[in-house]
N, C-alpha and C. Protein backbone atom coordinates (compact mmCIF):
# COMPACT_ATOMS: atom_id res chain seq x y z
N UNK A 1 286.23 164.94 -90.01
CA UNK A 1 286.35 166.32 -90.26
C UNK A 1 286.02 167.05 -88.89
N UNK A 2 286.92 167.92 -88.40
CA UNK A 2 286.69 168.64 -87.14
C UNK A 2 286.47 170.05 -87.27
N UNK A 3 285.68 170.64 -86.54
CA UNK A 3 285.46 172.19 -86.58
C UNK A 3 285.90 172.74 -85.26
N UNK A 4 286.77 173.82 -85.31
CA UNK A 4 287.21 174.42 -84.13
C UNK A 4 286.62 175.78 -84.08
N UNK A 5 286.27 176.14 -82.95
CA UNK A 5 285.91 177.59 -82.69
C UNK A 5 286.71 178.28 -81.75
N UNK A 6 287.34 179.27 -82.15
CA UNK A 6 288.39 180.06 -81.38
C UNK A 6 287.84 181.25 -80.93
N UNK A 7 287.88 181.78 -79.65
CA UNK A 7 287.55 183.22 -79.31
C UNK A 7 288.80 183.64 -78.57
N UNK A 8 289.18 184.82 -79.05
CA UNK A 8 290.29 185.57 -78.62
C UNK A 8 289.87 186.80 -77.93
N UNK A 9 290.28 187.04 -76.72
CA UNK A 9 290.03 188.28 -76.09
C UNK A 9 291.32 188.90 -75.81
N UNK A 10 291.51 190.24 -76.18
CA UNK A 10 292.61 190.91 -76.02
C UNK A 10 292.49 191.96 -74.97
N UNK A 11 293.40 192.40 -74.26
CA UNK A 11 293.31 193.38 -73.23
C UNK A 11 294.57 194.37 -73.47
N UNK A 12 294.16 195.56 -73.69
CA UNK A 12 295.11 196.60 -73.98
C UNK A 12 295.26 197.63 -72.76
N UNK A 13 296.46 197.74 -72.26
CA UNK A 13 296.59 198.60 -71.12
C UNK A 13 297.00 200.01 -71.64
N UNK A 14 296.11 200.97 -71.20
CA UNK A 14 296.46 202.44 -71.68
C UNK A 14 296.43 203.32 -70.36
N UNK A 15 297.14 204.37 -70.62
CA UNK A 15 297.27 205.35 -69.57
C UNK A 15 296.12 206.34 -69.54
N UNK A 16 295.66 206.79 -68.47
CA UNK A 16 294.64 207.87 -68.59
C UNK A 16 293.29 207.18 -68.23
N UNK A 17 292.20 207.78 -68.64
CA UNK A 17 290.87 207.30 -68.30
C UNK A 17 290.60 205.86 -68.93
N UNK A 18 290.20 205.02 -68.14
CA UNK A 18 290.03 203.70 -68.71
C UNK A 18 288.50 203.14 -68.68
N UNK A 19 287.59 204.09 -68.34
CA UNK A 19 286.31 203.76 -68.27
C UNK A 19 285.73 203.38 -69.58
N UNK A 20 286.13 203.87 -70.62
CA UNK A 20 285.66 203.49 -72.02
C UNK A 20 286.20 202.17 -72.28
N UNK A 21 287.54 201.94 -71.99
CA UNK A 21 288.04 200.61 -72.32
C UNK A 21 287.39 199.58 -71.39
N UNK A 22 287.17 199.68 -70.16
CA UNK A 22 286.54 198.76 -69.28
C UNK A 22 285.14 198.57 -69.90
N UNK A 23 284.42 199.45 -70.28
CA UNK A 23 283.05 199.22 -70.98
C UNK A 23 282.98 198.41 -72.23
N UNK A 24 284.08 198.69 -73.14
CA UNK A 24 284.34 197.78 -74.29
C UNK A 24 284.73 196.44 -73.86
N UNK A 25 285.53 196.19 -72.97
CA UNK A 25 285.87 194.90 -72.48
C UNK A 25 284.73 194.22 -71.84
N UNK A 26 283.95 194.85 -71.06
CA UNK A 26 282.69 194.24 -70.52
C UNK A 26 281.73 193.77 -71.76
N UNK A 27 281.55 194.58 -72.70
CA UNK A 27 280.68 194.30 -73.84
C UNK A 27 281.29 192.92 -74.48
N UNK A 28 282.57 192.96 -74.87
CA UNK A 28 283.26 191.84 -75.49
C UNK A 28 282.92 190.54 -74.43
N UNK A 29 283.17 190.71 -73.37
CA UNK A 29 282.93 189.66 -72.31
C UNK A 29 281.48 189.08 -72.29
N UNK A 30 280.63 190.09 -72.30
CA UNK A 30 279.16 189.57 -72.44
C UNK A 30 278.79 188.94 -73.65
N UNK A 31 279.20 189.47 -74.63
CA UNK A 31 278.89 188.85 -75.96
C UNK A 31 279.56 187.45 -76.10
N UNK A 32 280.78 187.37 -75.77
CA UNK A 32 281.39 186.05 -75.83
C UNK A 32 280.77 185.02 -74.94
N UNK A 33 280.47 185.34 -73.70
CA UNK A 33 279.70 184.52 -72.76
C UNK A 33 278.32 184.21 -73.31
N UNK A 34 277.67 185.07 -73.78
CA UNK A 34 276.30 184.93 -74.43
C UNK A 34 276.43 184.03 -75.67
N UNK A 35 277.39 184.04 -76.41
CA UNK A 35 277.52 183.17 -77.63
C UNK A 35 277.96 181.71 -77.28
N UNK A 36 278.63 181.62 -76.17
CA UNK A 36 279.27 180.39 -75.77
C UNK A 36 278.22 179.17 -75.90
N UNK A 37 277.11 179.31 -75.19
CA UNK A 37 276.12 178.19 -75.38
C UNK A 37 275.78 177.70 -76.85
N UNK A 38 275.56 178.70 -77.67
CA UNK A 38 275.19 178.28 -78.96
C UNK A 38 276.22 177.58 -79.78
N UNK A 39 277.57 178.18 -79.45
CA UNK A 39 278.73 177.64 -80.07
C UNK A 39 278.91 176.26 -79.66
N UNK A 40 278.75 175.97 -78.34
CA UNK A 40 278.88 174.49 -77.87
C UNK A 40 277.81 173.71 -78.49
N UNK A 41 276.52 174.13 -78.60
CA UNK A 41 275.37 173.49 -79.06
C UNK A 41 275.72 173.15 -80.61
N UNK A 42 276.26 173.94 -81.27
CA UNK A 42 276.48 173.62 -82.78
C UNK A 42 277.71 172.66 -82.75
N UNK A 43 278.63 172.84 -82.00
CA UNK A 43 279.63 171.77 -81.90
C UNK A 43 279.32 170.45 -81.46
N UNK A 44 278.51 170.44 -80.50
CA UNK A 44 278.04 169.16 -80.00
C UNK A 44 276.98 168.51 -81.14
N UNK A 45 276.20 169.15 -81.64
CA UNK A 45 275.27 168.64 -82.76
C UNK A 45 276.08 168.15 -83.82
N UNK A 46 277.09 168.67 -84.32
CA UNK A 46 277.99 168.13 -85.51
C UNK A 46 278.59 166.83 -84.96
N UNK A 47 279.00 166.84 -83.70
CA UNK A 47 279.68 165.73 -83.22
C UNK A 47 278.51 164.55 -83.11
N UNK A 48 277.39 164.85 -82.70
CA UNK A 48 276.30 163.97 -82.65
C UNK A 48 275.97 163.39 -84.04
N UNK A 49 276.01 164.30 -84.96
CA UNK A 49 275.61 163.77 -86.41
C UNK A 49 276.76 162.79 -86.90
N UNK A 50 277.92 162.97 -86.57
CA UNK A 50 279.00 162.35 -86.87
C UNK A 50 279.07 160.93 -86.33
N UNK A 51 278.66 160.83 -84.99
CA UNK A 51 278.33 159.58 -84.42
C UNK A 51 277.35 158.77 -84.91
N UNK A 52 276.27 159.35 -85.18
CA UNK A 52 274.99 158.69 -85.84
C UNK A 52 275.41 158.16 -87.12
N UNK A 53 276.23 159.07 -87.94
CA UNK A 53 276.51 158.44 -89.32
C UNK A 53 277.63 157.29 -89.22
N UNK A 54 278.42 157.32 -88.14
CA UNK A 54 279.44 156.14 -88.07
C UNK A 54 278.70 154.95 -87.59
N UNK A 55 277.70 155.08 -86.58
CA UNK A 55 276.81 153.93 -86.28
C UNK A 55 276.14 153.41 -87.44
N UNK A 56 275.51 154.28 -88.28
CA UNK A 56 274.66 153.71 -89.37
C UNK A 56 275.54 153.12 -90.48
N UNK A 57 276.76 153.75 -90.43
CA UNK A 57 277.69 153.13 -91.67
C UNK A 57 278.19 151.54 -91.02
N UNK A 58 278.34 151.52 -89.69
CA UNK A 58 278.71 150.26 -89.10
C UNK A 58 277.55 149.29 -89.28
N UNK A 59 276.37 149.54 -89.08
CA UNK A 59 275.23 148.76 -89.28
C UNK A 59 275.15 148.36 -90.68
N UNK A 60 275.23 149.18 -91.64
CA UNK A 60 275.17 148.75 -93.10
C UNK A 60 276.23 147.84 -93.54
N UNK A 61 277.46 148.05 -92.90
CA UNK A 61 278.52 147.07 -93.21
C UNK A 61 278.20 145.79 -92.59
N UNK A 62 277.64 145.71 -91.43
CA UNK A 62 277.36 144.35 -90.76
C UNK A 62 276.32 143.61 -91.52
N UNK A 63 275.35 144.42 -92.11
CA UNK A 63 274.15 143.84 -92.81
C UNK A 63 274.74 143.24 -94.16
N UNK A 64 275.75 143.97 -94.88
CA UNK A 64 276.17 143.39 -96.09
C UNK A 64 277.06 142.23 -95.83
N UNK A 65 277.85 142.30 -94.77
CA UNK A 65 278.83 141.15 -94.56
C UNK A 65 277.78 139.94 -94.19
N UNK A 66 276.94 140.10 -93.53
CA UNK A 66 275.96 139.11 -93.02
C UNK A 66 275.28 138.49 -94.24
N UNK A 67 274.80 139.47 -95.03
CA UNK A 67 274.21 138.86 -96.38
C UNK A 67 275.05 138.06 -97.29
N UNK A 68 276.20 138.48 -97.45
CA UNK A 68 277.26 137.70 -98.25
C UNK A 68 277.69 136.26 -97.64
N UNK A 69 277.66 136.44 -96.23
CA UNK A 69 278.04 134.94 -95.51
C UNK A 69 276.91 134.05 -95.71
N UNK A 70 275.66 134.61 -95.60
CA UNK A 70 274.43 133.73 -95.86
C UNK A 70 274.33 133.24 -97.24
N UNK A 71 274.75 133.97 -98.16
CA UNK A 71 274.74 133.61 -99.57
C UNK A 71 275.79 132.51 -99.85
N UNK A 72 276.91 132.59 -99.13
CA UNK A 72 278.15 131.74 -99.41
C UNK A 72 277.52 130.38 -98.73
N UNK A 73 276.87 130.34 -97.55
CA UNK A 73 276.44 129.14 -96.82
C UNK A 73 275.41 128.50 -97.66
N UNK A 74 274.42 129.32 -98.26
CA UNK A 74 273.46 128.76 -99.07
C UNK A 74 274.11 128.07 -100.21
N UNK A 75 275.03 128.69 -100.89
CA UNK A 75 275.58 128.11 -102.00
C UNK A 75 276.23 126.91 -101.73
N UNK A 76 277.00 126.79 -100.62
CA UNK A 76 277.64 125.43 -100.18
C UNK A 76 276.59 124.41 -99.85
N UNK A 77 275.44 124.80 -99.22
CA UNK A 77 274.44 123.81 -98.90
C UNK A 77 273.81 123.45 -100.25
N UNK A 78 273.62 124.16 -101.32
CA UNK A 78 273.02 123.81 -102.46
C UNK A 78 273.96 122.88 -103.24
N UNK A 79 275.39 123.15 -103.23
CA UNK A 79 276.41 122.28 -103.70
C UNK A 79 276.37 120.88 -103.04
N UNK A 80 276.16 120.88 -101.79
CA UNK A 80 276.20 119.62 -101.13
C UNK A 80 274.98 118.79 -101.40
N UNK A 81 273.81 119.35 -101.71
CA UNK A 81 272.67 118.71 -102.07
C UNK A 81 272.71 118.26 -103.45
N UNK A 82 273.45 118.82 -104.29
CA UNK A 82 273.48 118.28 -105.67
C UNK A 82 274.30 116.99 -105.63
N UNK A 83 275.42 117.06 -104.82
CA UNK A 83 276.33 115.77 -104.79
C UNK A 83 275.63 114.68 -104.27
């Protein structure tokens, strides 16, 4: 499962006084840049959780396979002892 974060910045060209527009663009820029570290932190922590989960699943799988191999060897050894 992947999560994507998209940030879109639009720029509108208007004729006449643009001081209000530049202030709005400045605020949008500051908010976007200010939020970027938190967004990256959330994205990386989710990836980190996925990596830990995959490692844990792999370790569980290896443990189960090892258990059944040992049980099979034990059963073969017991069979040889009986004969």
